[in-house]
Amino acid sequence: MHAMTDIPLAPRGRNTRSEELQTRLAEAIVSGRLKPGAPLDEAQIAAEFSVSRTPVREALRQLSSSGLVDIRPHRGAVVAKPDHDQLRDMFAVMGELEGVAAGLCAVKMDRAERAGLEELHRAMARLVHDGDLDAYSAANITFHVTIYRGSHNTYLAEMASATRRRLAPFRRAQFEGRDRLARSHHEHDQVVQAIQRGDAERAAAAMRDHIGLSARAWETIVALGPT
């Protein structure tokens, strides 16, 4: 398992330590530092974070309930690795949720929100030019969260954020494919243009297409097998 931090957790109560550890592990999974299928050894994690195994177990249980970790009886915990059909279903739901959000953005975003989205999109073009995978991946999260917020539908934003969190390790991995950064940005451009024109139908369709292409890009990079 790759090192996740050089700084031990602060000396706090057990529950708080477990919550902080849960956050650290989730960040490592979502950022791609811990890959799908990677083993999560309780003793190693406890040693790395200078804690006992009790908060580690609590953190892994919580991550399991959110879908980021699989806990297998008598075999330990691993970073979740859905099978092909499950992953395809998750991307399909993500596409519908983000499509609805983009459509709502086209009619509900105010002038300042539209300007912010445009500015972010231009900044991401520079990251594509530089080939900066890590920075683009981080900006991509901001882009999609901006779409959720711009929908002005809190419940939709919560659902989309939860699904994105589950899919995050797989969505980030697809950027490692050849020319995927440039193609992702071009797909974003279709979404942004439709939102700026107030074309809800086109914005929704462009976003669904974007998520669908992300799913297909992932399938060409990694052959998912049984955990």
Protein backbone atom coordinates (compact mmCIF):
# COMPACT_ATOMS: atom_id res chain seq x y z
CA MET A 1 0.00 0.00 0.00
CA HIS A 2 1.37 3.41 -0.92
CA ALA A 3 2.06 5.89 1.87
CA MET A 4 -0.89 8.18 2.42
CA THR A 5 0.63 10.67 4.82
CA ASP A 6 3.83 11.43 6.68
CA ILE A 7 1.90 13.14 9.47
CA PRO A 8 0.21 11.08 12.20
CA LEU A 9 -3.31 11.90 13.27
CA ALA A 10 -3.72 14.44 16.02
CA PRO A 11 -4.09 13.01 19.55
CA ARG A 12 -7.87 13.19 19.81
CA GLY A 13 -10.71 11.01 21.00
CA ARG A 14 -11.35 7.64 19.38
CA ASN A 15 -14.41 8.69 17.41
CA THR A 16 -12.75 11.84 16.10
CA ARG A 17 -9.64 9.88 15.14
CA SER A 18 -11.79 7.37 13.29
CA GLU A 19 -13.58 10.16 11.41
CA GLU A 20 -10.30 11.84 10.47
CA LEU A 21 -8.82 8.53 9.38
CA GLN A 22 -11.92 7.84 7.31
CA THR A 23 -11.44 11.19 5.57
CA ARG A 24 -7.75 10.53 4.89
CA LEU A 25 -8.41 7.07 3.45
CA ALA A 26 -11.30 8.35 1.33
CA GLU A 27 -9.06 11.09 -0.09
CA ALA A 28 -6.39 8.51 -0.94
CA ILE A 29 -8.97 6.35 -2.74
CA VAL A 30 -10.69 9.19 -4.58
CA SER A 31 -7.37 10.76 -5.65
CA GLY A 32 -6.17 7.46 -7.05
CA ARG A 33 -3.29 6.96 -4.61
CA LEU A 34 -5.07 3.79 -3.53
CA LYS A 35 -6.21 1.87 -6.61
CA PRO A 36 -9.37 -0.26 -6.92
CA GLY A 37 -8.61 -3.72 -5.58
CA ALA A 38 -5.72 -2.55 -3.37
CA PRO A 39 -5.60 -4.34 0.01
CA LEU A 40 -6.19 -2.27 3.16
CA ASP A 41 -4.23 -3.92 5.95
CA GLU A 42 -5.43 -2.80 9.39
CA ALA A 43 -2.06 -3.20 11.07
CA GLN A 44 -0.21 -1.29 8.35
CA ILE A 45 -2.73 1.56 8.35
CA ALA A 46 -2.62 1.75 12.15
CA ALA A 47 1.17 1.95 12.10
CA GLU A 48 1.23 4.55 9.33
CA PHE A 49 -1.20 6.84 11.15
CA SER A 50 0.12 6.08 14.66
CA VAL A 51 -3.23 4.85 15.96
CA SER A 52 -4.60 1.60 17.35
CA ARG A 53 -6.47 -0.83 15.12
CA THR A 54 -9.84 0.08 16.67
CA PRO A 55 -10.29 3.44 14.84
CA VAL A 56 -8.97 1.77 11.68
CA ARG A 57 -11.72 -0.86 11.85
CA GLU A 58 -14.33 1.84 12.47
CA ALA A 59 -13.09 3.90 9.54
CA LEU A 60 -13.09 0.90 7.19
CA ARG A 61 -16.63 -0.01 8.24
CA GLN A 62 -17.81 3.50 7.44
CA LEU A 63 -16.02 3.49 4.09
CA SER A 64 -17.64 0.14 3.34
CA SER A 65 -21.10 1.58 3.95
CA SER A 66 -20.33 4.39 1.47
CA GLY A 67 -19.18 1.91 -1.17
CA LEU A 68 -15.51 2.87 -1.31
CA VAL A 69 -14.26 -0.25 0.50
CA ASP A 70 -15.18 -3.92 0.33
CA ILE A 71 -14.79 -5.90 3.56
CA ARG A 72 -14.55 -9.64 2.87
CA PRO A 73 -15.02 -12.15 5.70
CA HIS A 74 -11.72 -13.75 6.74
CA ARG A 75 -9.92 -11.97 3.89
CA GLY A 76 -9.74 -8.35 5.04
CA ALA A 77 -10.62 -5.09 3.32
CA VAL A 78 -9.80 -3.86 -0.18
CA VAL A 79 -10.54 -0.71 -2.15
CA ALA A 80 -13.88 -1.35 -3.88
CA LYS A 81 -13.70 -2.69 -7.41
CA PRO A 82 -17.16 -3.09 -8.94
CA ASP A 83 -17.67 -5.66 -11.66
CA HIS A 84 -18.26 -4.57 -15.23
CA ASP A 85 -22.06 -4.61 -15.06
CA GLN A 86 -22.20 -2.73 -11.77
CA LEU A 87 -19.75 -0.09 -12.99
CA ARG A 88 -21.75 0.36 -16.19
CA ASP A 89 -24.94 0.82 -14.15
CA MET A 90 -23.23 3.37 -11.90
CA PHE A 91 -22.03 5.41 -14.88
CA ALA A 92 -25.53 5.27 -16.39
CA VAL A 93 -27.04 6.73 -13.21
CA MET A 94 -24.28 9.31 -13.02
CA GLY A 95 -25.00 10.38 -16.60
CA GLU A 96 -28.69 10.90 -15.86
CA LEU A 97 -28.05 12.83 -12.65
CA GLU A 98 -25.45 15.10 -14.22
CA GLY A 99 -27.57 15.52 -17.33
CA VAL A 100 -30.47 16.82 -15.24
CA ALA A 101 -28.10 19.11 -13.34
CA ALA A 102 -26.63 20.56 -16.55
CA GLY A 103 -30.10 21.14 -17.98
CA LEU A 104 -31.13 23.02 -14.85
CA CYS A 105 -27.93 25.09 -15.01
CA ALA A 106 -28.95 26.33 -18.44
CA VAL A 107 -32.08 27.95 -17.02
CA LYS A 108 -31.16 28.62 -13.38
CA MET A 109 -27.56 29.82 -13.28
CA ASP A 110 -27.23 33.54 -12.65
CA ARG A 111 -24.77 35.81 -14.47
CA ALA A 112 -22.02 35.43 -11.87
CA GLU A 113 -22.31 31.64 -11.89
CA ARG A 114 -22.13 31.53 -15.68
CA ALA A 115 -19.05 33.75 -15.64
CA GLY A 116 -17.41 31.53 -13.02
CA LEU A 117 -18.09 28.42 -15.08
CA GLU A 118 -16.63 30.06 -18.17
CA GLU A 119 -13.52 31.17 -16.28
CA LEU A 120 -12.97 27.68 -14.89
CA HIS A 121 -13.39 26.15 -18.34
CA ARG A 122 -10.74 28.50 -19.78
CA ALA A 123 -8.36 27.68 -16.94
CA MET A 124 -8.77 23.97 -17.64
CA ALA A 125 -7.78 24.57 -21.28
CA ARG A 126 -4.37 25.69 -20.03
CA LEU A 127 -4.03 22.50 -17.97
CA VAL A 128 -4.81 20.42 -21.04
CA HIS A 129 -2.14 22.32 -22.98
CA ASP A 130 0.37 21.63 -20.20
CA GLY A 131 -0.65 17.98 -19.90
CA ASP A 132 -1.06 18.42 -16.14
CA LEU A 133 -3.05 15.33 -15.20
CA ASP A 134 -3.19 15.95 -11.45
CA ALA A 135 -4.26 19.58 -11.75
CA TYR A 136 -6.81 18.77 -14.45
CA SER A 137 -8.26 15.95 -12.36
CA ALA A 138 -8.72 18.32 -9.40
CA ALA A 139 -10.20 21.02 -11.63
CA ASN A 140 -12.51 18.46 -13.20
CA ILE A 141 -14.04 17.75 -9.81
CA THR A 142 -14.57 21.50 -9.34
CA PHE A 143 -16.16 21.72 -12.78
CA HIS A 144 -18.73 19.03 -12.07
CA VAL A 145 -19.45 20.30 -8.55
CA THR A 146 -20.04 23.74 -10.11
CA ILE A 147 -22.65 22.11 -12.35
CA TYR A 148 -24.33 20.48 -9.34
CA ARG A 149 -24.49 23.75 -7.45
CA GLY A 150 -25.62 25.66 -10.51
CA SER A 151 -28.68 23.41 -10.75
CA HIS A 152 -30.01 25.11 -7.59
CA ASN A 153 -31.45 21.75 -6.53
CA THR A 154 -29.88 20.69 -3.23
CA TYR A 155 -31.19 17.14 -3.25
CA LEU A 156 -29.99 16.53 -6.80
CA ALA A 157 -26.57 17.95 -5.87
CA GLU A 158 -26.36 15.58 -2.89
CA MET A 159 -27.27 12.55 -5.00
CA ALA A 160 -24.83 13.49 -7.75
CA SER A 161 -22.03 14.13 -5.26
CA ALA A 162 -22.57 10.77 -3.56
CA THR A 163 -22.52 8.91 -6.87
CA ARG A 164 -19.48 10.84 -8.08
CA ARG A 165 -17.63 9.98 -4.87
CA ARG A 166 -18.27 6.28 -5.48
CA LEU A 167 -17.08 6.55 -9.09
CA ALA A 168 -14.18 8.94 -8.45
CA PRO A 169 -11.33 6.39 -8.60
CA PHE A 170 -12.59 5.14 -11.97
CA ARG A 171 -13.31 8.56 -13.44
CA ARG A 172 -9.82 9.78 -12.57
CA ALA A 173 -8.16 6.70 -14.05
CA GLN A 174 -9.69 7.32 -17.47
CA PHE A 175 -7.66 10.54 -17.80
CA GLU A 176 -4.56 8.38 -18.14
CA GLY A 177 -5.75 7.25 -21.56
CA ARG A 178 -4.14 8.74 -24.62
CA ASP A 179 -5.54 12.16 -25.56
CA ARG A 180 -8.33 11.80 -22.99
CA LEU A 181 -7.61 15.19 -21.37
CA ALA A 182 -8.18 17.02 -24.66
CA ARG A 183 -11.30 15.03 -25.47
CA SER A 184 -12.71 15.56 -21.97
CA HIS A 185 -12.21 19.30 -22.30
CA HIS A 186 -13.88 19.33 -25.72
CA GLU A 187 -16.87 17.51 -24.22
CA HIS A 188 -16.98 20.07 -21.40
CA ASP A 189 -17.00 22.78 -24.06
CA GLN A 190 -20.22 21.38 -25.51
CA VAL A 191 -21.83 21.47 -22.06
CA VAL A 192 -20.62 24.99 -21.27
CA GLN A 193 -21.75 26.43 -24.59
CA ALA A 194 -25.23 24.97 -24.18
CA ILE A 195 -25.51 26.30 -20.63
CA GLN A 196 -24.40 29.76 -21.72
CA ARG A 197 -27.02 29.75 -24.49
CA GLY A 198 -29.72 28.69 -22.05
CA ASP A 199 -30.34 25.50 -24.05
CA ALA A 200 -31.39 23.05 -21.33
CA GLU A 201 -32.07 20.13 -23.68
CA ARG A 202 -28.70 20.40 -25.39
CA ALA A 203 -26.84 20.91 -22.08
CA ALA A 204 -28.41 17.75 -20.63
CA ALA A 205 -27.65 15.71 -23.76
CA ALA A 206 -24.05 16.94 -23.93
CA MET A 207 -23.45 16.03 -20.29
CA ARG A 208 -24.96 12.57 -20.70
CA ASP A 209 -22.73 12.04 -23.74
CA HIS A 210 -19.72 13.20 -21.73
CA ILE A 211 -20.33 10.74 -18.91
CA GLY A 212 -21.00 7.96 -21.39
CA LEU A 213 -17.70 8.63 -23.14
CA SER A 214 -15.94 8.68 -19.77
CA ALA A 215 -17.35 5.24 -19.05
CA ARG A 216 -16.20 3.89 -22.40
CA ALA A 217 -12.75 5.43 -21.93
CA TRP A 218 -12.42 3.59 -18.63
CA GLU A 219 -13.45 0.28 -20.20
CA THR A 220 -10.70 0.58 -22.81
CA ILE A 221 -8.02 1.17 -20.17
CA VAL A 222 -8.75 -1.38 -17.47
CA ALA A 223 -10.11 -4.90 -17.73
CA LEU A 224 -12.16 -5.34 -14.57
CA GLY A 225 -11.94 -8.77 -13.02
CA PRO A 226 -13.26 -10.34 -9.81
CA THR A 227 -11.99 -8.85 -6.55
